[in-house]
């Protein structure tokens, strides 16, 4: 998923982010505000992992959101 889209719809995605990274607080998610670089830094800090690993996790999560959205759209397309 495009990070501009994640940032624009951040409030909708915070629940999914919390499921992915349970150690993130409401304040962490608010601070990130959908910005990839901020989210990566917070993940790195909370989980004590390297930046490249935090980036991989953030990208994988965004990709999973994109796949989830595709499934939802295909399910709605058949509901006429």
PDB file of N, CA and C in Angstrom:
ATOM      1  N   UNK A   1       0.854  -1.176   0.000  1.00  0.00           N
ATOM      2  CA  UNK A   1       0.000   0.000   0.000  1.00  0.00           C
ATOM      3  C   UNK A   1       0.896   1.233   0.000  1.00  0.00           C
ATOM      4  N   UNK A   2       0.445   2.224  -0.677  1.00  0.00           N
ATOM      5  CA  UNK A   2       1.144   3.488  -0.758  1.00  0.00           C
ATOM      6  C   UNK A   2       1.134   4.160   0.621  1.00  0.00           C
ATOM      7  N   UNK A   3       2.304   4.618   1.069  1.00  0.00           N
ATOM      8  CA  UNK A   3       2.379   5.213   2.403  1.00  0.00           C
ATOM      9  C   UNK A   3       1.610   6.515   2.511  1.00  0.00           C
ATOM     10  N   UNK A   4       1.437   7.224   1.396  1.00  0.00           N
ATOM     11  CA  UNK A   4       0.600   8.429   1.439  1.00  0.00           C
ATOM     12  C   UNK A   4      -0.826   8.052   1.819  1.00  0.00           C
ATOM     13  N   UNK A   5      -1.263   6.918   1.299  1.00  0.00           N
ATOM     14  CA  UNK A   5      -2.612   6.442   1.603  1.00  0.00           C
ATOM     15  C   UNK A   5      -2.721   5.985   3.062  1.00  0.00           C
ATOM     16  N   UNK A   6      -1.674   5.315   3.544  1.00  0.00           N
ATOM     17  CA  UNK A   6      -1.652   4.904   4.956  1.00  0.00           C
ATOM     18  C   UNK A   6      -1.733   6.142   5.839  1.00  0.00           C
ATOM     19  N   UNK A   7      -0.923   7.144   5.509  1.00  0.00           N
ATOM     20  CA  UNK A   7      -0.906   8.362   6.315  1.00  0.00           C
ATOM     21  C   UNK A   7      -2.269   9.057   6.274  1.00  0.00           C
ATOM     22  N   UNK A   8      -2.873   9.105   5.106  1.00  0.00           N
ATOM     23  CA  UNK A   8      -4.166   9.772   4.964  1.00  0.00           C
ATOM     24  C   UNK A   8      -5.297   9.072   5.696  1.00  0.00           C
ATOM     25  N   UNK A   9      -5.159   7.773   5.882  1.00  0.00           N
ATOM     26  CA  UNK A   9      -6.204   6.985   6.553  1.00  0.00           C
ATOM     27  C   UNK A   9      -5.693   6.382   7.861  1.00  0.00           C
ATOM     28  N   UNK A  10      -4.770   7.047   8.477  1.00  0.00           N
ATOM     29  CA  UNK A  10      -4.080   6.493   9.640  1.00  0.00           C
ATOM     30  C   UNK A  10      -5.033   6.071  10.753  1.00  0.00           C
ATOM     31  N   UNK A  11      -6.049   6.861  11.024  1.00  0.00           N
ATOM     32  CA  UNK A  11      -6.972   6.521  12.119  1.00  0.00           C
ATOM     33  C   UNK A  11      -7.649   5.175  11.871  1.00  0.00           C
ATOM     34  N   UNK A  12      -7.901   4.855  10.616  1.00  0.00           N
ATOM     35  CA  UNK A  12      -8.515   3.571  10.280  1.00  0.00           C
ATOM     36  C   UNK A  12      -7.539   2.414  10.477  1.00  0.00           C
ATOM     37  N   UNK A  13      -6.252   2.695  10.336  1.00  0.00           N
ATOM     38  CA  UNK A  13      -5.249   1.634  10.394  1.00  0.00           C
ATOM     39  C   UNK A  13      -4.604   1.446  11.762  1.00  0.00           C
ATOM     40  N   UNK A  14      -4.899   2.316  12.721  1.00  0.00           N
ATOM     41  CA  UNK A  14      -4.232   2.207  14.019  1.00  0.00           C
ATOM     42  C   UNK A  14      -4.549   0.903  14.737  1.00  0.00           C
ATOM     43  N   UNK A  15      -5.768   0.417  14.603  1.00  0.00           N
ATOM     44  CA  UNK A  15      -6.122  -0.860  15.242  1.00  0.00           C
ATOM     45  C   UNK A  15      -5.300  -2.008  14.680  1.00  0.00           C
ATOM     46  N   UNK A  16      -5.112  -1.993  13.362  1.00  0.00           N
ATOM     47  CA  UNK A  16      -4.302  -3.036  12.728  1.00  0.00           C
ATOM     48  C   UNK A  16      -2.832  -2.893  13.114  1.00  0.00           C
ATOM     49  N   UNK A  17      -2.373  -1.658  13.261  1.00  0.00           N
ATOM     50  CA  UNK A  17      -0.994  -1.438  13.687  1.00  0.00           C
ATOM     51  C   UNK A  17      -0.802  -1.956  15.116  1.00  0.00           C
ATOM     52  N   UNK A  18      -1.804  -1.734  15.950  1.00  0.00           N
ATOM     53  CA  UNK A  18      -1.725  -2.205  17.339  1.00  0.00           C
ATOM     54  C   UNK A  18      -1.700  -3.735  17.393  1.00  0.00           C
ATOM     55  N   UNK A  19      -2.458  -4.385  16.499  1.00  0.00           N
ATOM     56  CA  UNK A  19      -2.427  -5.848  16.442  1.00  0.00           C
ATOM     57  C   UNK A  19      -1.055  -6.340  16.005  1.00  0.00           C
ATOM     58  N   UNK A  20      -0.469  -5.647  15.059  1.00  0.00           N
ATOM     59  CA  UNK A  20       0.839  -6.045  14.542  1.00  0.00           C
ATOM     60  C   UNK A  20       1.944  -5.824  15.576  1.00  0.00           C
ATOM     61  N   UNK A  21       1.905  -4.678  16.238  1.00  0.00           N
ATOM     62  CA  UNK A  21       2.944  -4.315  17.205  1.00  0.00           C
ATOM     63  C   UNK A  21       2.282  -3.958  18.536  1.00  0.00           C
ATOM     64  N   UNK A  22       2.040  -4.957  19.338  1.00  0.00           N
ATOM     65  CA  UNK A  22       1.328  -4.792  20.603  1.00  0.00           C
ATOM     66  C   UNK A  22       2.004  -3.888  21.615  1.00  0.00           C
ATOM     67  N   UNK A  23       3.297  -3.680  21.468  1.00  0.00           N
ATOM     68  CA  UNK A  23       4.009  -2.827  22.424  1.00  0.00           C
ATOM     69  C   UNK A  23       3.818  -1.340  22.153  1.00  0.00           C
ATOM     70  N   UNK A  24       3.238  -1.001  21.010  1.00  0.00           N
ATOM     71  CA  UNK A  24       3.041   0.409  20.694  1.00  0.00           C
ATOM     72  C   UNK A  24       1.866   0.962  21.486  1.00  0.00           C
ATOM     73  N   UNK A  25       2.056   2.129  22.038  1.00  0.00           N
ATOM     74  CA  UNK A  25       1.016   2.787  22.827  1.00  0.00           C
ATOM     75  C   UNK A  25       0.173   3.698  21.927  1.00  0.00           C
ATOM     76  N   UNK A  26      -0.939   4.165  22.468  1.00  0.00           N
ATOM     77  CA  UNK A  26      -1.751   5.143  21.734  1.00  0.00           C
ATOM     78  C   UNK A  26      -0.916   6.366  21.397  1.00  0.00           C
ATOM     79  N   UNK A  27      -0.088   6.780  22.330  1.00  0.00           N
ATOM     80  CA  UNK A  27       0.767   7.944  22.109  1.00  0.00           C
ATOM     81  C   UNK A  27       1.760   7.673  20.966  1.00  0.00           C
ATOM     82  N   UNK A  28       2.326   6.465  20.932  1.00  0.00           N
ATOM     83  CA  UNK A  28       3.243   6.098  19.850  1.00  0.00           C
ATOM     84  C   UNK A  28       2.542   6.193  18.500  1.00  0.00           C
ATOM     85  N   UNK A  29       1.341   5.632  18.436  1.00  0.00           N
ATOM     86  CA  UNK A  29       0.602   5.627  17.175  1.00  0.00           C
ATOM     87  C   UNK A  29       0.198   7.037  16.770  1.00  0.00           C
ATOM     88  N   UNK A  30      -0.159   7.846  17.746  1.00  0.00           N
ATOM     89  CA  UNK A  30      -0.507   9.230  17.462  1.00  0.00           C
ATOM     90  C   UNK A  30       0.712   9.998  16.961  1.00  0.00           C
ATOM     91  N   UNK A  31       1.859   9.742  17.581  1.00  0.00           N
ATOM     92  CA  UNK A  31       3.093  10.403  17.179  1.00  0.00           C
ATOM     93  C   UNK A  31       3.494  10.005  15.763  1.00  0.00           C
ATOM     94  N   UNK A  32       3.314   8.757  15.415  1.00  0.00           N
ATOM     95  CA  UNK A  32       3.681   8.277  14.078  1.00  0.00           C
ATOM     96  C   UNK A  32       2.788   8.914  13.020  1.00  0.00           C
ATOM     97  N   UNK A  33       1.501   9.030  13.322  1.00  0.00           N
ATOM     98  CA  UNK A  33       0.526   9.674  12.426  1.00  0.00           C
ATOM     99  C   UNK A  33       0.608   9.156  10.990  1.00  0.00           C
ATOM    100  N   UNK A  34       0.967   7.891  10.833  1.00  0.00           N
ATOM    101  CA  UNK A  34       1.006   7.285   9.512  1.00  0.00           C
ATOM    102  C   UNK A  34       2.277   7.530   8.735  1.00  0.00           C
ATOM    103  N   UNK A  35       3.184   8.314   9.303  1.00  0.00           N
ATOM    104  CA  UNK A  35       4.445   8.586   8.623  1.00  0.00           C
ATOM    105  C   UNK A  35       5.377   7.391   8.788  1.00  0.00           C
ATOM    106  N   UNK A  36       5.798   6.842   7.682  1.00  0.00           N
ATOM    107  CA  UNK A  36       6.599   5.619   7.676  1.00  0.00           C
ATOM    108  C   UNK A  36       7.862   5.765   8.520  1.00  0.00           C
ATOM    109  N   UNK A  37       8.606   6.854   8.324  1.00  0.00           N
ATOM    110  CA  UNK A  37       9.861   7.035   9.050  1.00  0.00           C
ATOM    111  C   UNK A  37       9.651   7.096  10.555  1.00  0.00           C
ATOM    112  N   UNK A  38       8.571   7.764  10.974  1.00  0.00           N
ATOM    113  CA  UNK A  38       8.254   7.848  12.404  1.00  0.00           C
ATOM    114  C   UNK A  38       7.879   6.480  12.956  1.00  0.00           C
ATOM    115  N   UNK A  39       7.043   5.758  12.218  1.00  0.00           N
ATOM    116  CA  UNK A  39       6.614   4.436  12.659  1.00  0.00           C
ATOM    117  C   UNK A  39       7.816   3.497  12.775  1.00  0.00           C
ATOM    118  N   UNK A  40       8.688   3.525  11.785  1.00  0.00           N
ATOM    119  CA  UNK A  40       9.886   2.673  11.808  1.00  0.00           C
ATOM    120  C   UNK A  40      10.727   2.985  13.034  1.00  0.00           C
ATOM    121  N   UNK A  41      10.935   4.259  13.327  1.00  0.00           N
ATOM    122  CA  UNK A  41      11.731   4.645  14.494  1.00  0.00           C
ATOM    123  C   UNK A  41      11.116   4.172  15.806  1.00  0.00           C
ATOM    124  N   UNK A  42       9.816   4.266  15.908  1.00  0.00           N
ATOM    125  CA  UNK A  42       9.125   3.846  17.126  1.00  0.00           C
ATOM    126  C   UNK A  42       9.180   2.321  17.278  1.00  0.00           C
ATOM    127  N   UNK A  43       8.971   1.608  16.182  1.00  0.00           N
ATOM    128  CA  UNK A  43       9.075   0.142  16.228  1.00  0.00           C
ATOM    129  C   UNK A  43      10.482  -0.256  16.658  1.00  0.00           C
ATOM    130  N   UNK A  44      11.458   0.387  16.068  1.00  0.00           N
ATOM    131  CA  UNK A  44      12.864   0.124  16.388  1.00  0.00           C
ATOM    132  C   UNK A  44      13.124   0.321  17.881  1.00  0.00           C
ATOM    133  N   UNK A  45      12.632   1.402  18.408  1.00  0.00           N
ATOM    134  CA  UNK A  45      12.835   1.737  19.818  1.00  0.00           C
ATOM    135  C   UNK A  45      12.116   0.755  20.746  1.00  0.00           C
ATOM    136  N   UNK A  46      10.826   0.501  20.482  1.00  0.00           N
ATOM    137  CA  UNK A  46      10.034  -0.353  21.369  1.00  0.00           C
ATOM    138  C   UNK A  46      10.499  -1.810  21.367  1.00  0.00           C
ATOM    139  N   UNK A  47      10.928  -2.293  20.204  1.00  0.00           N
ATOM    140  CA  UNK A  47      11.285  -3.706  20.084  1.00  0.00           C
ATOM    141  C   UNK A  47      12.789  -3.956  20.105  1.00  0.00           C
ATOM    142  N   UNK A  48      13.582  -2.897  20.142  1.00  0.00           N
ATOM    143  CA  UNK A  48      15.034  -3.049  20.206  1.00  0.00           C
ATOM    144  C   UNK A  48      15.594  -3.785  18.995  1.00  0.00           C
ATOM    145  N   UNK A  49      15.099  -3.436  17.810  1.00  0.00           N
ATOM    146  CA  UNK A  49      15.552  -4.106  16.597  1.00  0.00           C
ATOM    147  C   UNK A  49      16.260  -3.105  15.694  1.00  0.00           C
ATOM    148  N   UNK A  50      16.975  -3.625  14.715  1.00  0.00           N
ATOM    149  CA  UNK A  50      17.701  -2.784  13.773  1.00  0.00           C
ATOM    150  C   UNK A  50      16.728  -2.048  12.855  1.00  0.00           C
ATOM    151  N   UNK A  51      17.196  -0.927  12.332  1.00  0.00           N
ATOM    152  CA  UNK A  51      16.358  -0.116  11.466  1.00  0.00           C
ATOM    153  C   UNK A  51      15.887  -0.901  10.246  1.00  0.00           C
ATOM    154  N   UNK A  52      16.766  -1.683   9.628  1.00  0.00           N
ATOM    155  CA  UNK A  52      16.365  -2.419   8.434  1.00  0.00           C
ATOM    156  C   UNK A  52      15.279  -3.451   8.741  1.00  0.00           C
ATOM    157  N   UNK A  53      15.325  -4.046   9.924  1.00  0.00           N
ATOM    158  CA  UNK A  53      14.280  -4.999  10.330  1.00  0.00           C
ATOM    159  C   UNK A  53      12.959  -4.265  10.577  1.00  0.00           C
ATOM    160  N   UNK A  54      13.024  -3.118  11.225  1.00  0.00           N
ATOM    161  CA  UNK A  54      11.810  -2.325  11.468  1.00  0.00           C
ATOM    162  C   UNK A  54      11.206  -1.866  10.144  1.00  0.00           C
ATOM    163  N   UNK A  55      12.040  -1.478   9.198  1.00  0.00           N
ATOM    164  CA  UNK A  55      11.557  -1.081   7.877  1.00  0.00           C
ATOM    165  C   UNK A  55      10.900  -2.255   7.162  1.00  0.00           C
ATOM    166  N   UNK A  56      11.504  -3.428   7.260  1.00  0.00           N
ATOM    167  CA  UNK A  56      10.939  -4.620   6.630  1.00  0.00           C
ATOM    168  C   UNK A  56       9.563  -4.914   7.207  1.00  0.00           C
ATOM    169  N   UNK A  57       9.459  -4.854   8.544  1.00  0.00           N
ATOM    170  CA  UNK A  57       8.174  -5.119   9.193  1.00  0.00           C
ATOM    171  C   UNK A  57       7.112  -4.110   8.755  1.00  0.00           C
ATOM    172  N   UNK A  58       7.476  -2.836   8.692  1.00  0.00           N
ATOM    173  CA  UNK A  58       6.530  -1.797   8.292  1.00  0.00           C
ATOM    174  C   UNK A  58       6.083  -2.008   6.843  1.00  0.00           C
ATOM    175  N   UNK A  59       7.018  -2.353   5.979  1.00  0.00           N
ATOM    176  CA  UNK A  59       6.667  -2.597   4.575  1.00  0.00           C
ATOM    177  C   UNK A  59       5.795  -3.831   4.423  1.00  0.00           C
ATOM    178  N   UNK A  60       6.130  -4.892   5.156  1.00  0.00           N
ATOM    179  CA  UNK A  60       5.318  -6.111   5.111  1.00  0.00           C
ATOM    180  C   UNK A  60       3.899  -5.835   5.596  1.00  0.00           C
ATOM    181  N   UNK A  61       3.783  -5.032   6.637  1.00  0.00           N
ATOM    182  CA  UNK A  61       2.477  -4.682   7.178  1.00  0.00           C
ATOM    183  C   UNK A  61       1.663  -3.891   6.148  1.00  0.00           C
ATOM    184  N   UNK A  62       2.297  -2.910   5.502  1.00  0.00           N
ATOM    185  CA  UNK A  62       1.601  -2.118   4.486  1.00  0.00           C
ATOM    186  C   UNK A  62       1.182  -2.995   3.314  1.00  0.00           C
ATOM    187  N   UNK A  63       2.034  -3.939   2.926  1.00  0.00           N
ATOM    188  CA  UNK A  63       1.688  -4.875   1.852  1.00  0.00           C
ATOM    189  C   UNK A  63       0.492  -5.739   2.248  1.00  0.00           C
ATOM    190  N   UNK A  64       0.460  -6.167   3.500  1.00  0.00           N
ATOM    191  CA  UNK A  64      -0.667  -6.975   3.986  1.00  0.00           C
ATOM    192  C   UNK A  64      -1.960  -6.156   3.972  1.00  0.00           C
ATOM    193  N   UNK A  65      -1.872  -4.869   4.284  1.00  0.00           N
ATOM    194  CA  UNK A  65      -3.045  -4.002   4.218  1.00  0.00           C
ATOM    195  C   UNK A  65      -3.565  -3.931   2.784  1.00  0.00           C
ATOM    196  N   UNK A  66      -2.640  -3.850   1.834  1.00  0.00           N
ATOM    197  CA  UNK A  66      -3.022  -3.780   0.431  1.00  0.00           C
ATOM    198  C   UNK A  66      -3.742  -5.061   0.015  1.00  0.00           C
ATOM    199  N   UNK A  67      -3.217  -6.209   0.444  1.00  0.00           N
ATOM    200  CA  UNK A  67      -3.846  -7.492   0.114  1.00  0.00           C
ATOM    201  C   UNK A  67      -5.228  -7.593   0.749  1.00  0.00           C
ATOM    202  N   UNK A  68      -5.336  -7.147   1.985  1.00  0.00           N
ATOM    203  CA  UNK A  68      -6.619  -7.164   2.699  1.00  0.00           C
ATOM    204  C   UNK A  68      -7.639  -6.297   1.972  1.00  0.00           C
ATOM    205  N   UNK A  69      -7.195  -5.161   1.486  1.00  0.00           N
ATOM    206  CA  UNK A  69      -8.080  -4.254   0.763  1.00  0.00           C
ATOM    207  C   UNK A  69      -8.552  -4.890  -0.552  1.00  0.00           C
ATOM    208  N   UNK A  70      -7.662  -5.592  -1.240  1.00  0.00           N
ATOM    209  CA  UNK A  70      -8.031  -6.274  -2.482  1.00  0.00           C
ATOM    210  C   UNK A  70      -9.113  -7.318  -2.219  1.00  0.00           C
ATOM    211  N   UNK A  71      -8.951  -8.075  -1.141  1.00  0.00           N
ATOM    212  CA  UNK A  71      -9.927  -9.113  -0.791  1.00  0.00           C
ATOM    213  C   UNK A  71     -11.274  -8.475  -0.489  1.00  0.00           C
ATOM    214  N   UNK A  72     -11.264  -7.379   0.264  1.00  0.00           N
ATOM    215  CA  UNK A  72     -12.513  -6.702   0.602  1.00  0.00           C
ATOM    216  C   UNK A  72     -13.204  -6.184  -0.651  1.00  0.00           C
ATOM    217  N   UNK A  73     -12.440  -5.599  -1.566  1.00  0.00           N
ATOM    218  CA  UNK A  73     -13.021  -5.069  -2.798  1.00  0.00           C
ATOM    219  C   UNK A  73     -13.596  -6.181  -3.661  1.00  0.00           C
ATOM    220  N   UNK A  74     -12.888  -7.291  -3.753  1.00  0.00           N
ATOM    221  CA  UNK A  74     -13.401  -8.396  -4.584  1.00  0.00           C
ATOM    222  C   UNK A  74     -14.654  -9.004  -3.966  1.00  0.00           C
ATOM    223  N   UNK A  75     -14.737  -9.010  -2.657  1.00  0.00           N
ATOM    224  CA  UNK A  75     -15.931  -9.521  -1.976  1.00  0.00           C
ATOM    225  C   UNK A  75     -17.126  -8.600  -2.195  1.00  0.00           C
ATOM    226  N   UNK A  76     -16.878  -7.307  -2.201  1.00  0.00           N
ATOM    227  CA  UNK A  76     -17.958  -6.335  -2.425  1.00  0.00           C
ATOM    228  C   UNK A  76     -18.420  -6.344  -3.877  1.00  0.00           C
ATOM    229  N   UNK A  77     -17.524  -6.639  -4.785  1.00  0.00           N
ATOM    230  CA  UNK A  77     -17.877  -6.617  -6.217  1.00  0.00           C
ATOM    231  C   UNK A  77     -18.961  -7.643  -6.532  1.00  0.00           C
ATOM    232  N   UNK A  78     -18.990  -8.745  -5.796  1.00  0.00           N
ATOM    233  CA  UNK A  78     -19.992  -9.775  -6.047  1.00  0.00           C
ATOM    234  C   UNK A  78     -21.316  -9.538  -5.346  1.00  0.00           C
ATOM    235  N   UNK A  79     -21.417  -8.465  -4.596  1.00  0.00           N
ATOM    236  CA  UNK A  79     -22.636  -8.185  -3.825  1.00  0.00           C
ATOM    237  C   UNK A  79     -23.500  -7.135  -4.507  1.00  0.00           C
ATOM    238  N   UNK A  80     -24.069  -7.473  -5.635  1.00  0.00           N
ATOM    239  CA  UNK A  80     -24.952  -6.532  -6.342  1.00  0.00           C
ATOM    240  C   UNK A  80     -26.383  -6.806  -6.036  1.00  0.00           C
TER     241      UNK A  80
END
